Amino acid sequence: MDVDDNEVVELKATSAMAKLRIVRASGNRLSGFDLGWCSNLRTLYLDNNGVGSLTELDRLTKVENMSLRNQTGPGL
């Protein structure tokens, strides 16, 4: 899934996406990210957002690449 540079404020799913392996959501307006619906990720890029929290991070047991550079916003 690639939603880079789209002014996204929230990214979530109503059910688990077991086959999803890559999420690219850099350059948006995310303030948090719930990883419960995408626990089989191998790659997660959330650069240039305002992410202050990652919910259910412990579920990412297969992650190989993760980037959270340049987070801005309240509380950071």
PDB file of N, CA and C in Angstrom:
ATOM      1  N   MET A   1       0.843  -1.156   0.000  1.00  0.00           N
ATOM      2  CA  MET A   1       0.000   0.000   0.000  1.00  0.00           C
ATOM      3  C   MET A   1       0.896   1.228   0.000  1.00  0.00           C
ATOM      4  N   ASP A   2       0.656   2.128  -0.923  1.00  0.00           N
ATOM      5  CA  ASP A   2       1.443   3.353  -1.027  1.00  0.00           C
ATOM      6  C   ASP A   2       0.498   4.550  -1.022  1.00  0.00           C
ATOM      7  N   VAL A   3       0.529   5.316   0.066  1.00  0.00           N
ATOM      8  CA  VAL A   3      -0.276   6.534   0.176  1.00  0.00           C
ATOM      9  C   VAL A   3       0.618   7.737   0.499  1.00  0.00           C
ATOM     10  N   ASP A   4       1.858   7.694   0.057  1.00  0.00           N
ATOM     11  CA  ASP A   4       2.798   8.796   0.294  1.00  0.00           C
ATOM     12  C   ASP A   4       2.235  10.117  -0.231  1.00  0.00           C
ATOM     13  N   ASP A   5       2.469  11.189   0.544  1.00  0.00           N
ATOM     14  CA  ASP A   5       2.168  12.560   0.122  1.00  0.00           C
ATOM     15  C   ASP A   5       0.717  12.774  -0.300  1.00  0.00           C
ATOM     16  N   ASN A   6      -0.223  12.381   0.570  1.00  0.00           N
ATOM     17  CA  ASN A   6      -1.641  12.507   0.243  1.00  0.00           C
ATOM     18  C   ASN A   6      -2.478  13.209   1.305  1.00  0.00           C
ATOM     19  N   GLU A   7      -1.863  13.895   2.268  1.00  0.00           N
ATOM     20  CA  GLU A   7      -2.607  14.598   3.321  1.00  0.00           C
ATOM     21  C   GLU A   7      -3.456  13.653   4.171  1.00  0.00           C
ATOM     22  N   VAL A   8      -3.067  12.381   4.267  1.00  0.00           N
ATOM     23  CA  VAL A   8      -3.799  11.394   5.060  1.00  0.00           C
ATOM     24  C   VAL A   8      -3.672  11.741   6.544  1.00  0.00           C
ATOM     25  N   VAL A   9      -4.812  11.751   7.247  1.00  0.00           N
ATOM     26  CA  VAL A   9      -4.843  12.076   8.669  1.00  0.00           C
ATOM     27  C   VAL A   9      -4.947  10.808   9.507  1.00  0.00           C
ATOM     28  N   GLU A  10      -5.620   9.787   8.973  1.00  0.00           N
ATOM     29  CA  GLU A  10      -5.793   8.524   9.692  1.00  0.00           C
ATOM     30  C   GLU A  10      -5.772   7.380   8.691  1.00  0.00           C
ATOM     31  N   LEU A  11      -5.132   6.297   9.082  1.00  0.00           N
ATOM     32  CA  LEU A  11      -5.050   5.126   8.218  1.00  0.00           C
ATOM     33  C   LEU A  11      -5.363   3.904   9.059  1.00  0.00           C
ATOM     34  N   LYS A  12      -6.502   3.261   8.766  1.00  0.00           N
ATOM     35  CA  LYS A  12      -6.885   2.074   9.521  1.00  0.00           C
ATOM     36  C   LYS A  12      -7.769   1.190   8.653  1.00  0.00           C
ATOM     37  N   ALA A  13      -8.019  -0.017   9.137  1.00  0.00           N
ATOM     38  CA  ALA A  13      -8.864  -0.967   8.429  1.00  0.00           C
ATOM     39  C   ALA A  13      -9.911  -1.504   9.392  1.00  0.00           C
ATOM     40  N   THR A  14     -11.027  -1.980   8.838  1.00  0.00           N
ATOM     41  CA  THR A  14     -12.086  -2.524   9.671  1.00  0.00           C
ATOM     42  C   THR A  14     -11.851  -3.988  10.025  1.00  0.00           C
ATOM     43  N   SER A  15     -10.906  -4.617   9.335  1.00  0.00           N
ATOM     44  CA  SER A  15     -10.535  -6.001   9.656  1.00  0.00           C
ATOM     45  C   SER A  15      -9.053  -6.195   9.333  1.00  0.00           C
ATOM     46  N   ALA A  16      -8.507  -7.285   9.809  1.00  0.00           N
ATOM     47  CA  ALA A  16      -7.078  -7.569   9.605  1.00  0.00           C
ATOM     48  C   ALA A  16      -6.764  -7.737   8.122  1.00  0.00           C
ATOM     49  N   MET A  17      -5.590  -7.281   7.742  1.00  0.00           N
ATOM     50  CA  MET A  17      -5.113  -7.419   6.367  1.00  0.00           C
ATOM     51  C   MET A  17      -3.861  -8.295   6.413  1.00  0.00           C
ATOM     52  N   ALA A  18      -4.063  -9.580   6.554  1.00  0.00           N
ATOM     53  CA  ALA A  18      -2.985 -10.541   6.782  1.00  0.00           C
ATOM     54  C   ALA A  18      -1.972 -10.605   5.641  1.00  0.00           C
ATOM     55  N   LYS A  19      -2.375 -10.300   4.420  1.00  0.00           N
ATOM     56  CA  LYS A  19      -1.459 -10.398   3.287  1.00  0.00           C
ATOM     57  C   LYS A  19      -0.698  -9.110   2.997  1.00  0.00           C
ATOM     58  N   LEU A  20      -1.031  -8.047   3.708  1.00  0.00           N
ATOM     59  CA  LEU A  20      -0.351  -6.773   3.498  1.00  0.00           C
ATOM     60  C   LEU A  20       1.073  -6.856   4.028  1.00  0.00           C
ATOM     61  N   ARG A  21       2.054  -6.556   3.193  1.00  0.00           N
ATOM     62  CA  ARG A  21       3.461  -6.666   3.572  1.00  0.00           C
ATOM     63  C   ARG A  21       4.185  -5.323   3.631  1.00  0.00           C
ATOM     64  N   ILE A  22       3.704  -4.335   2.864  1.00  0.00           N
ATOM     65  CA  ILE A  22       4.384  -3.043   2.783  1.00  0.00           C
ATOM     66  C   ILE A  22       3.377  -1.911   2.955  1.00  0.00           C
ATOM     67  N   VAL A  23       3.702  -0.971   3.841  1.00  0.00           N
ATOM     68  CA  VAL A  23       2.919   0.265   3.978  1.00  0.00           C
ATOM     69  C   VAL A  23       3.875   1.431   3.849  1.00  0.00           C
ATOM     70  N   ARG A  24       3.589   2.289   2.874  1.00  0.00           N
ATOM     71  CA  ARG A  24       4.335   3.527   2.672  1.00  0.00           C
ATOM     72  C   ARG A  24       3.335   4.659   2.871  1.00  0.00           C
ATOM     73  N   ALA A  25       3.502   5.399   3.954  1.00  0.00           N
ATOM     74  CA  ALA A  25       2.583   6.501   4.267  1.00  0.00           C
ATOM     75  C   ALA A  25       3.366   7.741   4.691  1.00  0.00           C
ATOM     76  N   SER A  26       4.466   7.988   4.036  1.00  0.00           N
ATOM     77  CA  SER A  26       5.304   9.150   4.351  1.00  0.00           C
ATOM     78  C   SER A  26       4.693  10.419   3.771  1.00  0.00           C
ATOM     79  N   GLY A  27       5.004  11.552   4.409  1.00  0.00           N
ATOM     80  CA  GLY A  27       4.565  12.837   3.884  1.00  0.00           C
ATOM     81  C   GLY A  27       3.083  13.084   4.028  1.00  0.00           C
ATOM     82  N   ASN A  28       2.503  12.631   5.118  1.00  0.00           N
ATOM     83  CA  ASN A  28       1.089  12.847   5.372  1.00  0.00           C
ATOM     84  C   ASN A  28       0.918  13.629   6.669  1.00  0.00           C
ATOM     85  N   ARG A  29      -0.240  13.510   7.311  1.00  0.00           N
ATOM     86  CA  ARG A  29      -0.508  14.216   8.558  1.00  0.00           C
ATOM     87  C   ARG A  29      -0.920  13.244   9.655  1.00  0.00           C
ATOM     88  N   LEU A  30      -0.330  12.068   9.665  1.00  0.00           N
ATOM     89  CA  LEU A  30      -0.645  11.058  10.672  1.00  0.00           C
ATOM     90  C   LEU A  30      -0.089  11.465  12.028  1.00  0.00           C
ATOM     91  N   SER A  31      -0.913  11.315  13.081  1.00  0.00           N
ATOM     92  CA  SER A  31      -0.434  11.621  14.433  1.00  0.00           C
ATOM     93  C   SER A  31      -0.232  10.347  15.243  1.00  0.00           C
ATOM     94  N   GLY A  32      -0.785   9.255  14.785  1.00  0.00           N
ATOM     95  CA  GLY A  32      -0.636   7.957  15.429  1.00  0.00           C
ATOM     96  C   GLY A  32      -0.868   6.869  14.399  1.00  0.00           C
ATOM     97  N   PHE A  33      -0.517   5.651  14.771  1.00  0.00           N
ATOM     98  CA  PHE A  33      -0.699   4.541  13.829  1.00  0.00           C
ATOM     99  C   PHE A  33      -0.952   3.277  14.623  1.00  0.00           C
ATOM    100  N   ASP A  34      -2.079   2.616  14.347  1.00  0.00           N
ATOM    101  CA  ASP A  34      -2.448   1.357  14.992  1.00  0.00           C
ATOM    102  C   ASP A  34      -1.994   0.220  14.089  1.00  0.00           C
ATOM    103  N   LEU A  35      -1.092  -0.593  14.596  1.00  0.00           N
ATOM    104  CA  LEU A  35      -0.520  -1.681  13.797  1.00  0.00           C
ATOM    105  C   LEU A  35      -1.267  -3.001  13.940  1.00  0.00           C
ATOM    106  N   GLY A  36      -2.351  -3.024  14.694  1.00  0.00           N
ATOM    107  CA  GLY A  36      -3.092  -4.251  14.936  1.00  0.00           C
ATOM    108  C   GLY A  36      -3.679  -4.886  13.684  1.00  0.00           C
ATOM    109  N   TRP A  37      -4.031  -4.090  12.702  1.00  0.00           N
ATOM    110  CA  TRP A  37      -4.661  -4.607  11.491  1.00  0.00           C
ATOM    111  C   TRP A  37      -3.661  -5.038  10.423  1.00  0.00           C
ATOM    112  N   CYS A  38      -2.388  -4.764  10.644  1.00  0.00           N
ATOM    113  CA  CYS A  38      -1.377  -5.088   9.622  1.00  0.00           C
ATOM    114  C   CYS A  38      -0.147  -5.730  10.272  1.00  0.00           C
ATOM    115  N   SER A  39      -0.372  -6.744  11.054  1.00  0.00           N
ATOM    116  CA  SER A  39       0.696  -7.335  11.862  1.00  0.00           C
ATOM    117  C   SER A  39       1.724  -8.153  11.067  1.00  0.00           C
ATOM    118  N   ASN A  40       1.469  -8.444   9.809  1.00  0.00           N
ATOM    119  CA  ASN A  40       2.429  -9.209   9.000  1.00  0.00           C
ATOM    120  C   ASN A  40       3.330  -8.332   8.142  1.00  0.00           C
ATOM    121  N   LEU A  41       3.389  -7.042   8.464  1.00  0.00           N
ATOM    122  CA  LEU A  41       4.215  -6.123   7.678  1.00  0.00           C
ATOM    123  C   LEU A  41       5.681  -6.514   7.699  1.00  0.00           C
ATOM    124  N   ARG A  42       6.322  -6.318   6.569  1.00  0.00           N
ATOM    125  CA  ARG A  42       7.764  -6.466   6.457  1.00  0.00           C
ATOM    126  C   ARG A  42       8.419  -5.089   6.378  1.00  0.00           C
ATOM    127  N   THR A  43       7.687  -4.110   5.790  1.00  0.00           N
ATOM    128  CA  THR A  43       8.215  -2.769   5.584  1.00  0.00           C
ATOM    129  C   THR A  43       7.175  -1.733   5.992  1.00  0.00           C
ATOM    130  N   LEU A  44       7.598  -0.744   6.788  1.00  0.00           N
ATOM    131  CA  LEU A  44       6.725   0.348   7.214  1.00  0.00           C
ATOM    132  C   LEU A  44       7.500   1.654   7.135  1.00  0.00           C
ATOM    133  N   TYR A  45       7.029   2.573   6.290  1.00  0.00           N
ATOM    134  CA  TYR A  45       7.641   3.892   6.162  1.00  0.00           C
ATOM    135  C   TYR A  45       6.608   4.942   6.541  1.00  0.00           C
ATOM    136  N   LEU A  46       6.903   5.700   7.594  1.00  0.00           N
ATOM    137  CA  LEU A  46       6.020   6.759   8.073  1.00  0.00           C
ATOM    138  C   LEU A  46       6.775   8.078   8.229  1.00  0.00           C
ATOM    139  N   ASP A  47       7.773   8.315   7.420  1.00  0.00           N
ATOM    140  CA  ASP A  47       8.573   9.541   7.507  1.00  0.00           C
ATOM    141  C   ASP A  47       7.706  10.780   7.260  1.00  0.00           C
ATOM    142  N   ASN A  48       8.141  11.898   7.853  1.00  0.00           N
ATOM    143  CA  ASN A  48       7.522  13.205   7.591  1.00  0.00           C
ATOM    144  C   ASN A  48       6.026  13.246   7.895  1.00  0.00           C
ATOM    145  N   ASN A  49       5.680  12.834   9.086  1.00  0.00           N
ATOM    146  CA  ASN A  49       4.323  12.914   9.604  1.00  0.00           C
ATOM    147  C   ASN A  49       4.391  13.606  10.959  1.00  0.00           C
ATOM    148  N   GLY A  50       3.438  13.316  11.818  1.00  0.00           N
ATOM    149  CA  GLY A  50       3.436  13.824  13.184  1.00  0.00           C
ATOM    150  C   GLY A  50       3.174  12.694  14.155  1.00  0.00           C
ATOM    151  N   VAL A  51       3.660  11.509  13.829  1.00  0.00           N
ATOM    152  CA  VAL A  51       3.381  10.310  14.621  1.00  0.00           C
ATOM    153  C   VAL A  51       3.995  10.435  16.011  1.00  0.00           C
ATOM    154  N   GLY A  52       3.121  10.378  17.023  1.00  0.00           N
ATOM    155  CA  GLY A  52       3.561  10.427  18.408  1.00  0.00           C
ATOM    156  C   GLY A  52       3.353   9.108  19.118  1.00  0.00           C
ATOM    157  N   SER A  53       2.589   8.188  18.476  1.00  0.00           N
ATOM    158  CA  SER A  53       2.359   6.878  19.094  1.00  0.00           C
ATOM    159  C   SER A  53       2.134   5.806  18.036  1.00  0.00           C
ATOM    160  N   LEU A  54       2.630   4.621  18.350  1.00  0.00           N
ATOM    161  CA  LEU A  54       2.399   3.428  17.534  1.00  0.00           C
ATOM    162  C   LEU A  54       1.704   2.413  18.431  1.00  0.00           C
ATOM    163  N   THR A  55       0.455   2.108  18.130  1.00  0.00           N
ATOM    164  CA  THR A  55      -0.320   1.165  18.924  1.00  0.00           C
ATOM    165  C   THR A  55      -0.093  -0.247  18.415  1.00  0.00           C
ATOM    166  N   GLU A  56       0.096  -1.175  19.321  1.00  0.00           N
ATOM    167  CA  GLU A  56       0.318  -2.602  19.030  1.00  0.00           C
ATOM    168  C   GLU A  56       1.606  -2.853  18.235  1.00  0.00           C
ATOM    169  N   LEU A  57       2.622  -2.067  18.537  1.00  0.00           N
ATOM    170  CA  LEU A  57       3.932  -2.235  17.899  1.00  0.00           C
ATOM    171  C   LEU A  57       4.494  -3.636  18.132  1.00  0.00           C
ATOM    172  N   ASP A  58       4.200  -4.222  19.263  1.00  0.00           N
ATOM    173  CA  ASP A  58       4.711  -5.555  19.588  1.00  0.00           C
ATOM    174  C   ASP A  58       4.199  -6.639  18.644  1.00  0.00           C
ATOM    175  N   ARG A  59       3.166  -6.350  17.862  1.00  0.00           N
ATOM    176  CA  ARG A  59       2.628  -7.332  16.906  1.00  0.00           C
ATOM    177  C   ARG A  59       3.463  -7.431  15.634  1.00  0.00           C
ATOM    178  N   LEU A  60       4.362  -6.487  15.419  1.00  0.00           N
ATOM    179  CA  LEU A  60       5.211  -6.521  14.221  1.00  0.00           C
ATOM    180  C   LEU A  60       6.398  -7.448  14.448  1.00  0.00           C
ATOM    181  N   THR A  61       6.176  -8.725  14.336  1.00  0.00           N
ATOM    182  CA  THR A  61       7.233  -9.708  14.591  1.00  0.00           C
ATOM    183  C   THR A  61       8.048 -10.041  13.342  1.00  0.00           C
ATOM    184  N   LYS A  62       7.589  -9.592  12.167  1.00  0.00           N
ATOM    185  CA  LYS A  62       8.269  -9.929  10.916  1.00  0.00           C
ATOM    186  C   LYS A  62       8.861  -8.724  10.209  1.00  0.00           C
ATOM    187  N   VAL A  63       8.811  -7.565  10.853  1.00  0.00           N
ATOM    188  CA  VAL A  63       9.273  -6.338  10.207  1.00  0.00           C
ATOM    189  C   VAL A  63      10.780  -6.397   9.922  1.00  0.00           C
ATOM    190  N   GLU A  64      11.150  -5.956   8.721  1.00  0.00           N
ATOM    191  CA  GLU A  64      12.545  -5.926   8.296  1.00  0.00           C
ATOM    192  C   GLU A  64      13.022  -4.489   8.093  1.00  0.00           C
ATOM    193  N   ASN A  65      12.132  -3.610   7.651  1.00  0.00           N
ATOM    194  CA  ASN A  65      12.466  -2.212   7.386  1.00  0.00           C
ATOM    195  C   ASN A  65      11.407  -1.316   8.010  1.00  0.00           C
ATOM    196  N   MET A  66      11.854  -0.342   8.802  1.00  0.00           N
ATOM    197  CA  MET A  66      10.935   0.618   9.400  1.00  0.00           C
ATOM    198  C   MET A  66      11.634   1.965   9.457  1.00  0.00           C
ATOM    199  N   SER A  67      10.921   3.006   9.041  1.00  0.00           N
ATOM    200  CA  SER A  67      11.476   4.350   9.096  1.00  0.00           C
ATOM    201  C   SER A  67      10.410   5.311   9.590  1.00  0.00           C
ATOM    202  N   LEU A  68      10.792   6.123  10.586  1.00  0.00           N
ATOM    203  CA  LEU A  68       9.906   7.128  11.172  1.00  0.00           C
ATOM    204  C   LEU A  68      10.635   8.467  11.297  1.00  0.00           C
ATOM    205  N   ARG A  69      11.418   8.806  10.316  1.00  0.00           N
ATOM    206  CA  ARG A  69      12.205  10.045  10.366  1.00  0.00           C
ATOM    207  C   ARG A  69      11.337  11.291  10.266  1.00  0.00           C
ATOM    208  N   ASN A  70      11.825  12.368  10.863  1.00  0.00           N
ATOM    209  CA  ASN A  70      11.237  13.704  10.732  1.00  0.00           C
ATOM    210  C   ASN A  70       9.783  13.798  11.177  1.00  0.00           C
ATOM    211  N   GLN A  71       9.518  13.359  12.390  1.00  0.00           N
ATOM    212  CA  GLN A  71       8.183  13.505  12.965  1.00  0.00           C
ATOM    213  C   GLN A  71       8.078  14.878  13.616  1.00  0.00           C
ATOM    214  N   THR A  72       6.976  15.572  13.386  1.00  0.00           N
ATOM    215  CA  THR A  72       6.739  16.881  13.972  1.00  0.00           C
ATOM    216  C   THR A  72       5.359  16.901  14.606  1.00  0.00           C
ATOM    217  N   GLY A  73       5.126  17.861  15.453  1.00  0.00           N
ATOM    218  CA  GLY A  73       3.814  18.022  16.040  1.00  0.00           C
ATOM    219  C   GLY A  73       3.864  18.108  17.538  1.00  0.00           C
ATOM    220  N   PRO A  74       2.695  18.250  18.174  1.00  0.00           N
ATOM    221  CA  PRO A  74       2.633  18.397  19.632  1.00  0.00           C
ATOM    222  C   PRO A  74       3.165  17.170  20.358  1.00  0.00           C
ATOM    223  N   GLY A  75       3.910  17.417  21.401  1.00  0.00           N
ATOM    224  CA  GLY A  75       4.395  16.336  22.244  1.00  0.00           C
ATOM    225  C   GLY A  75       5.647  15.644  21.763  1.00  0.00           C
ATOM    226  N   LEU A  76       6.219  16.102  20.669  1.00  0.00           N
ATOM    227  CA  LEU A  76       7.423  15.451  20.159  1.00  0.00           C
ATOM    228  C   LEU A  76       8.631  16.325  20.372  1.00  0.00           C
TER     229      LEU A  76
END
